[in-house]
Amino acid sequence: MSTTVQSAETRTTSRPGRRRRRTANTGQGRRAFFLVAPTVLLLGVVIVYPLAKAIILSFQKDAGLDPSTGMFVEGGSAGLDNYKHWLLAQCSTPTGSIPCPPGNIGSLFWPSLGVTAFFTVVSVGIEVILGLWFATIMNREFRGRGLIRAAILVPWAIPTAVTAKLWFFIFAYNGIFNRLLGVVGVNPLIWTGDTWPSRFAVIIADVWKTTPFMALLILAGLQLISADVYEAAEIDGASRWQTFRRITLPMIKVPLMVAVLFRTLDVLRIFDLPYILTGGGGGSGHATTTLSILVIKQIREGFHSASALSTIVFLIIALVAFLFIRFGGADVVQRPPKSGRDEKPALAKTATVESTAEGN
């Protein structure tokens, strides 16, 4: 009976404390909201509004001359015609939609998507290998390590436009690259004009510029690994390859996947490097035309159709980012620790086990 009375008193005295905690939490939540509100409002103006406006414009027609009458007409509702123009290569006419002719820009969506995917897979793959190598070198203890780190990071500090122009001169008809290959005057490669040479020229320039960024993020993960782990592996007789595969790679998985995610998103929207280096064409005229370059070309012909293409590119990039974060292990958001409510059952269970052990 006394135990019941004591427990009732405890519950009664604990309720005001709980109310005070709830009031304090509510006050903190309100203050946090007012502190975050300006940032959320700014992001809404800068990001959400343009995105929503582009989506609205993508369902409208472009103003222009009507081919059937020769009169200027204002734009109206286009429905899904702008998206059919890209996804199905259908062009709108007064009588309906017809397949776009080969020279029409609407037929370039899938080839441009293939070029962008090719740049993404090859460039990011090479950068991962070279970035791991550079990061491993920079993580070692040796004389002049600071100088090596600074030298490796120099290409990343150069603006992309300057990098593109630099490699444009290197890949010139009588440039350094053809001279190193010994093909000047014999059968020189036209790096910025032929189809595959122009694509590999873009990849080489992109890898040269952005591999230091990959190496920097991987180096941050390597420096978090304790030297004791490697000493234990050496005592156990593990080889260098086993140490790298069983210790290094698993422990740098998160920063490595974050680096791959950032670089993948960068290449998916690449514009300035291929545009300056090859004029956005190369080879057949569309060998290095990426999705971002295609958007700029379409803006000159029709703004609303370009809005539809921009929306498609945004959805592709958002889908890739979601897949990386959800299934690829790219944990770009720091997850909060488990709440005390989730930990209480475990603590209660532990206390029960301890009290039972003491009683025995």
Protein backbone atom coordinates (compact mmCIF):
# COMPACT_ATOMS: atom_id res chain seq x y z
CA MET A 1 0.00 0.00 0.00
CA SER A 2 2.78 2.43 0.87
CA THR A 3 4.51 1.64 -2.41
CA THR A 4 1.34 2.53 -4.34
CA VAL A 5 0.99 5.84 -2.51
CA GLN A 6 4.63 6.72 -3.13
CA SER A 7 4.36 5.95 -6.86
CA ALA A 8 1.21 8.08 -7.11
CA GLU A 9 2.97 10.97 -5.38
CA THR A 10 5.93 10.59 -7.70
CA ARG A 11 3.67 10.79 -10.77
CA THR A 12 1.91 13.81 -9.33
CA THR A 13 5.11 15.70 -8.58
CA SER A 14 6.65 14.83 -11.96
CA ARG A 15 3.82 16.32 -14.04
CA PRO A 16 4.75 20.00 -13.46
CA GLY A 17 8.32 19.16 -14.46
CA ARG A 18 7.10 17.59 -17.67
CA ARG A 19 4.92 20.61 -18.41
CA ARG A 20 7.86 22.94 -17.84
CA ARG A 21 9.99 20.86 -20.22
CA ARG A 22 7.27 20.90 -22.84
CA THR A 23 6.90 24.67 -22.50
CA ALA A 24 10.67 25.14 -22.78
CA ASN A 25 10.80 22.89 -25.86
CA THR A 26 7.93 24.81 -27.45
CA GLY A 27 9.72 28.10 -26.80
CA GLN A 28 12.94 26.78 -28.31
CA GLY A 29 11.04 25.53 -31.34
CA ARG A 30 9.51 28.95 -31.89
CA ARG A 31 12.86 30.71 -31.56
CA ALA A 32 14.43 28.21 -33.95
CA PHE A 33 11.64 28.83 -36.46
CA PHE A 34 12.13 32.61 -36.35
CA LEU A 35 15.89 32.20 -36.75
CA VAL A 36 15.59 29.83 -39.72
CA ALA A 37 12.68 31.64 -41.39
CA PRO A 38 14.83 34.31 -43.20
CA THR A 39 17.03 31.61 -44.71
CA VAL A 40 14.04 29.53 -45.78
CA LEU A 41 12.41 32.63 -47.30
CA LEU A 42 15.60 33.51 -49.20
CA LEU A 43 15.92 29.95 -50.52
CA GLY A 44 12.29 30.05 -51.58
CA VAL A 45 12.85 33.26 -53.56
CA VAL A 46 16.13 32.12 -55.12
CA ILE A 47 15.39 28.42 -55.75
CA VAL A 48 11.74 27.47 -55.37
CA TYR A 49 10.20 30.37 -57.29
CA PRO A 50 12.41 30.04 -60.43
CA LEU A 51 11.87 26.28 -60.42
CA ALA A 52 8.10 26.62 -60.12
CA LYS A 53 8.08 29.35 -62.79
CA ALA A 54 10.09 27.14 -65.18
CA ILE A 55 7.65 24.27 -64.68
CA ILE A 56 4.68 26.56 -65.39
CA LEU A 57 6.33 27.96 -68.53
CA SER A 58 7.09 24.44 -69.78
CA PHE A 59 3.35 23.86 -70.32
CA GLN A 60 2.94 26.96 -72.52
CA LYS A 61 3.57 27.63 -76.19
CA ASP A 62 6.17 30.04 -77.53
CA ALA A 63 4.95 33.16 -79.28
CA GLY A 64 5.89 33.41 -82.94
CA LEU A 65 4.70 33.22 -86.54
CA ASP A 66 1.99 30.75 -87.47
CA PRO A 67 3.27 28.79 -90.52
CA SER A 68 -0.24 28.37 -91.90
CA THR A 69 -1.28 32.05 -91.82
CA GLY A 70 2.03 33.90 -91.52
CA MET A 71 0.56 35.93 -88.69
CA PHE A 72 2.16 36.50 -85.29
CA VAL A 73 0.37 34.59 -82.56
CA GLU A 74 0.80 34.72 -78.82
CA GLY A 75 1.61 31.63 -76.79
CA GLY A 76 -1.09 29.63 -75.07
CA SER A 77 -1.52 26.34 -73.34
CA ALA A 78 0.71 23.66 -74.86
CA GLY A 79 -0.17 20.74 -72.64
CA LEU A 80 2.53 18.09 -72.90
CA ASP A 81 3.68 19.14 -76.39
CA ASN A 82 6.95 20.61 -75.12
CA TYR A 83 7.79 17.39 -73.30
CA LYS A 84 6.81 15.28 -76.31
CA HIS A 85 9.13 17.49 -78.34
CA TRP A 86 12.07 16.19 -76.30
CA LEU A 87 11.11 12.76 -75.02
CA LEU A 88 9.33 11.54 -78.17
CA ALA A 89 11.03 13.84 -80.73
CA GLN A 90 7.64 15.13 -81.89
CA CYS A 91 7.22 18.60 -83.37
CA SER A 92 3.96 20.50 -83.14
CA THR A 93 2.21 21.63 -86.35
CA PRO A 94 -1.19 23.28 -86.98
CA THR A 95 -2.59 19.86 -87.87
CA GLY A 96 -1.00 17.99 -84.93
CA SER A 97 2.27 16.45 -83.81
CA ILE A 98 4.62 14.81 -86.29
CA PRO A 99 8.08 13.20 -85.87
CA CYS A 100 10.78 15.85 -85.85
CA PRO A 101 13.03 15.87 -88.93
CA PRO A 102 16.66 14.75 -88.41
CA GLY A 103 17.98 18.31 -88.43
CA ASN A 104 15.52 19.54 -85.81
CA ILE A 105 16.88 20.24 -82.35
CA GLY A 106 14.14 18.13 -80.81
CA SER A 107 15.82 14.98 -82.15
CA LEU A 108 19.02 15.74 -80.19
CA PHE A 109 17.72 15.01 -76.68
CA TRP A 110 18.58 11.31 -76.52
CA PRO A 111 21.98 11.69 -78.24
CA SER A 112 22.81 14.55 -75.84
CA LEU A 113 21.71 12.43 -72.90
CA GLY A 114 24.01 9.64 -74.11
CA VAL A 115 26.94 12.07 -74.45
CA THR A 116 26.30 13.44 -70.95
CA ALA A 117 26.08 9.92 -69.49
CA PHE A 118 29.30 8.95 -71.29
CA PHE A 119 31.14 11.97 -69.88
CA THR A 120 29.77 11.22 -66.40
CA VAL A 121 30.72 7.54 -66.26
CA VAL A 122 34.19 7.86 -67.81
CA SER A 123 35.23 11.10 -66.10
CA VAL A 124 34.03 10.16 -62.63
CA GLY A 125 35.50 6.65 -62.94
CA ILE A 126 38.95 7.98 -63.83
CA GLU A 127 38.74 10.66 -61.15
CA VAL A 128 37.92 8.09 -58.45
CA ILE A 129 41.00 6.02 -59.31
CA LEU A 130 43.33 9.01 -59.57
CA GLY A 131 41.76 10.70 -56.54
CA LEU A 132 42.38 7.61 -54.38
CA TRP A 133 45.98 7.49 -55.59
CA PHE A 134 46.61 11.20 -54.95
CA ALA A 135 44.90 11.09 -51.55
CA THR A 136 46.99 8.09 -50.50
CA ILE A 137 50.15 9.95 -51.46
CA MET A 138 49.13 13.14 -49.66
CA ASN A 139 48.23 11.16 -46.53
CA ARG A 140 51.76 9.82 -46.05
CA GLU A 141 54.44 11.38 -43.89
CA PHE A 142 57.37 12.61 -45.98
CA ARG A 143 59.44 15.73 -46.49
CA GLY A 144 57.80 18.26 -48.80
CA ARG A 145 54.28 16.91 -48.28
CA GLY A 146 52.83 20.44 -48.05
CA LEU A 147 54.38 21.35 -51.41
CA ILE A 148 52.94 18.23 -53.04
CA ARG A 149 49.49 18.99 -51.65
CA ALA A 150 49.62 22.56 -52.96
CA ALA A 151 50.80 21.40 -56.39
CA ILE A 152 48.02 18.82 -56.68
CA LEU A 153 45.36 21.38 -55.75
CA VAL A 154 46.49 24.02 -58.27
CA PRO A 155 44.38 22.73 -61.24
CA TRP A 156 41.23 22.82 -59.11
CA ALA A 157 41.85 26.48 -58.24
CA ILE A 158 42.01 27.53 -61.91
CA PRO A 159 38.65 28.79 -63.30
CA THR A 160 36.95 26.40 -65.70
CA ALA A 161 36.95 28.89 -68.57
CA VAL A 162 40.71 29.34 -68.22
CA THR A 163 41.18 25.57 -68.08
CA ALA A 164 39.13 25.09 -71.24
CA LYS A 165 41.13 27.73 -73.12
CA LEU A 166 44.42 26.26 -71.87
CA TRP A 167 43.54 22.79 -73.14
CA PHE A 168 42.23 24.31 -76.37
CA PHE A 169 45.77 25.47 -77.15
CA ILE A 170 47.23 22.13 -76.00
CA PHE A 171 44.89 20.21 -78.35
CA ALA A 172 45.45 22.60 -81.27
CA TYR A 173 46.43 21.36 -84.73
CA ASN A 174 50.10 22.14 -84.04
CA GLY A 175 49.72 22.01 -80.28
CA ILE A 176 51.74 20.32 -77.59
CA PHE A 177 49.68 17.14 -77.54
CA ASN A 178 50.14 16.35 -81.22
CA ARG A 179 53.85 17.17 -80.93
CA LEU A 180 54.23 14.74 -78.05
CA LEU A 181 52.49 12.07 -80.10
CA GLY A 182 54.76 12.86 -83.05
CA VAL A 183 51.91 13.28 -85.54
CA VAL A 184 52.45 16.92 -86.49
CA GLY A 185 52.81 17.22 -90.26
CA VAL A 186 52.08 13.51 -90.80
CA ASN A 187 48.54 12.74 -89.71
CA PRO A 188 47.66 15.17 -86.91
CA LEU A 189 44.63 14.51 -84.76
CA ILE A 190 41.95 17.18 -84.82
CA TRP A 191 41.14 16.96 -81.13
CA THR A 192 38.40 19.59 -81.09
CA GLY A 193 36.89 18.71 -84.46
CA ASP A 194 36.61 14.93 -84.78
CA THR A 195 33.91 13.02 -82.95
CA TRP A 196 35.79 10.75 -80.55
CA PRO A 197 38.94 12.87 -80.17
CA SER A 198 36.80 15.84 -79.12
CA ARG A 199 34.99 13.71 -76.53
CA PHE A 200 38.22 12.41 -75.07
CA ALA A 201 39.65 15.94 -75.10
CA VAL A 202 36.76 17.06 -72.87
CA ILE A 203 37.29 14.09 -70.55
CA ILE A 204 41.04 14.70 -70.26
CA ALA A 205 40.54 18.39 -69.45
CA ASP A 206 37.79 17.64 -66.95
CA VAL A 207 39.84 14.94 -65.21
CA TRP A 208 42.87 17.23 -65.01
CA LYS A 209 40.85 20.01 -63.39
CA THR A 210 38.57 18.15 -60.95
CA THR A 211 40.63 15.17 -59.78
CA PRO A 212 42.16 17.36 -56.99
CA PHE A 213 38.65 17.99 -55.66
CA MET A 214 38.04 14.25 -55.47
CA ALA A 215 41.42 13.70 -53.82
CA LEU A 216 40.73 16.43 -51.25
CA LEU A 217 37.48 14.84 -50.08
CA ILE A 218 39.01 11.37 -49.96
CA LEU A 219 42.01 12.73 -48.03
CA ALA A 220 39.64 14.11 -45.38
CA GLY A 221 38.31 10.57 -44.89
CA LEU A 222 41.78 9.01 -44.78
CA GLN A 223 42.92 11.34 -42.03
CA LEU A 224 40.12 10.10 -39.78
CA ILE A 225 41.53 6.55 -39.78
CA SER A 226 43.69 5.90 -36.73
CA ALA A 227 47.24 4.65 -37.26
CA ASP A 228 46.58 1.97 -34.66
CA VAL A 229 44.26 0.21 -37.11
CA TYR A 230 47.03 -0.13 -39.68
CA GLU A 231 49.50 -1.24 -37.01
CA ALA A 232 47.12 -3.97 -35.91
CA ALA A 233 46.68 -5.11 -39.50
CA GLU A 234 50.45 -5.20 -39.98
CA ILE A 235 50.88 -7.29 -36.81
CA ASP A 236 48.22 -9.71 -38.10
CA GLY A 237 50.24 -10.14 -41.29
CA ALA A 238 47.81 -8.43 -43.69
CA SER A 239 49.22 -7.43 -47.06
CA ARG A 240 48.89 -3.91 -48.48
CA TRP A 241 46.09 -4.97 -50.79
CA GLN A 242 44.21 -6.67 -47.95
CA THR A 243 44.67 -3.61 -45.75
CA PHE A 244 43.39 -1.35 -48.51
CA ARG A 245 40.41 -3.56 -49.34
CA ARG A 246 39.38 -4.58 -45.80
CA ILE A 247 40.24 -1.42 -43.84
CA THR A 248 40.78 1.66 -45.97
CA LEU A 249 37.90 1.33 -48.44
CA PRO A 250 35.19 0.48 -45.86
CA MET A 251 36.28 3.33 -43.58
CA ILE A 252 36.28 5.97 -46.34
CA LYS A 253 33.09 4.76 -47.99
CA VAL A 254 30.99 7.74 -46.90
CA PRO A 255 33.40 10.54 -47.98
CA LEU A 256 34.17 8.60 -51.17
CA MET A 257 30.50 8.29 -52.09
CA VAL A 258 29.89 11.95 -51.26
CA ALA A 259 32.76 12.91 -53.58
CA VAL A 260 31.36 10.67 -56.32
CA LEU A 261 27.91 12.21 -55.82
CA PHE A 262 29.20 15.78 -56.10
CA ARG A 263 31.24 15.02 -59.18
CA THR A 264 28.40 13.09 -60.83
CA LEU A 265 26.03 16.00 -60.37
CA ASP A 266 28.67 18.40 -61.71
CA VAL A 267 29.24 16.39 -64.89
CA LEU A 268 25.51 15.88 -65.48
CA ARG A 269 25.15 19.66 -65.78
CA ILE A 270 28.51 20.34 -67.44
CA PHE A 271 28.42 23.26 -69.87
CA ASP A 272 31.37 25.65 -69.92
CA LEU A 273 34.22 23.18 -70.47
CA PRO A 274 32.89 21.44 -73.63
CA TYR A 275 31.34 24.66 -74.91
CA ILE A 276 34.61 26.61 -74.79
CA LEU A 277 36.85 23.70 -75.75
CA THR A 278 34.87 22.36 -78.72
CA GLY A 279 32.24 25.03 -79.33
CA GLY A 280 29.56 22.70 -78.03
CA GLY A 281 29.78 20.58 -81.15
CA GLY A 282 32.85 18.66 -82.22
CA GLY A 283 32.96 16.06 -84.95
CA SER A 284 29.51 15.73 -86.51
CA GLY A 285 28.45 18.97 -84.85
CA HIS A 286 26.87 17.33 -81.81
CA ALA A 287 29.60 15.00 -80.55
CA THR A 288 30.09 17.01 -77.33
CA THR A 289 26.61 18.52 -77.02
CA THR A 290 25.52 17.91 -73.43
CA LEU A 291 22.07 18.50 -71.98
CA SER A 292 23.06 21.92 -70.60
CA ILE A 293 24.42 23.00 -73.99
CA LEU A 294 21.21 21.78 -75.61
CA VAL A 295 19.20 23.95 -73.21
CA ILE A 296 21.17 27.05 -74.25
CA LYS A 297 20.71 26.22 -77.94
CA GLN A 298 16.97 25.81 -77.45
CA ILE A 299 16.62 29.13 -75.62
CA ARG A 300 17.55 30.87 -78.87
CA GLU A 301 14.65 29.13 -80.64
CA GLY A 302 11.98 28.84 -77.98
CA PHE A 303 12.02 29.77 -74.31
CA HIS A 304 9.09 27.62 -73.18
CA SER A 305 10.43 24.50 -74.83
CA ALA A 306 13.78 25.20 -73.14
CA SER A 307 11.93 25.39 -69.81
CA ALA A 308 10.57 21.90 -70.45
CA LEU A 309 14.07 20.62 -71.19
CA SER A 310 15.42 22.31 -68.06
CA THR A 311 12.71 20.61 -66.01
CA ILE A 312 13.65 17.23 -67.48
CA VAL A 313 17.33 17.82 -66.67
CA PHE A 314 16.39 18.84 -63.12
CA LEU A 315 14.36 15.64 -62.64
CA ILE A 316 17.24 13.51 -63.95
CA ILE A 317 19.73 15.14 -61.58
CA ALA A 318 17.29 14.88 -58.65
CA LEU A 319 16.73 11.18 -59.38
CA VAL A 320 20.48 10.49 -59.50
CA ALA A 321 21.02 12.35 -56.22
CA PHE A 322 18.19 10.40 -54.57
CA LEU A 323 19.61 7.06 -55.72
CA PHE A 324 23.07 7.96 -54.43
CA ILE A 325 21.79 9.09 -51.04
CA ARG A 326 19.21 6.31 -50.62
CA PHE A 327 21.12 3.32 -51.97
CA GLY A 328 24.70 4.45 -52.62
CA GLY A 329 25.72 5.32 -49.06
CA ALA A 330 26.31 9.03 -49.78
CA ASP A 331 25.23 10.26 -46.33
CA VAL A 332 25.41 14.00 -47.01
CA VAL A 333 23.07 14.76 -44.08
CA GLN A 334 24.30 14.12 -40.56
CA ARG A 335 21.74 11.88 -38.92
CA PRO A 336 20.78 12.84 -35.36
CA PRO A 337 21.42 10.33 -32.59
CA LYS A 338 18.61 8.19 -31.30
CA SER A 339 16.24 9.95 -28.95
CA GLY A 340 16.12 9.20 -25.30
CA ARG A 341 12.70 7.61 -25.81
CA ASP A 342 14.28 4.90 -27.98
CA GLU A 343 17.06 4.32 -25.49
CA LYS A 344 14.83 3.91 -22.43
CA PRO A 345 13.81 0.28 -23.11
CA ALA A 346 17.44 -0.71 -23.50
CA LEU A 347 18.40 1.11 -20.30
CA ALA A 348 15.49 -0.42 -18.40
CA LYS A 349 16.41 -3.86 -19.67
CA THR A 350 20.02 -3.37 -18.58
CA ALA A 351 18.93 -2.18 -15.14
CA THR A 352 16.67 -5.22 -14.78
CA VAL A 353 19.47 -7.58 -15.70
CA GLU A 354 21.86 -5.89 -13.25
CA SER A 355 19.33 -6.00 -10.40
CA THR A 356 18.62 -9.66 -11.09
CA ALA A 357 22.33 -10.43 -11.04
CA GLU A 358 22.78 -8.58 -7.77
CA GLY A 359 19.84 -10.44 -6.24
CA ASN A 360 21.33 -13.76 -7.25
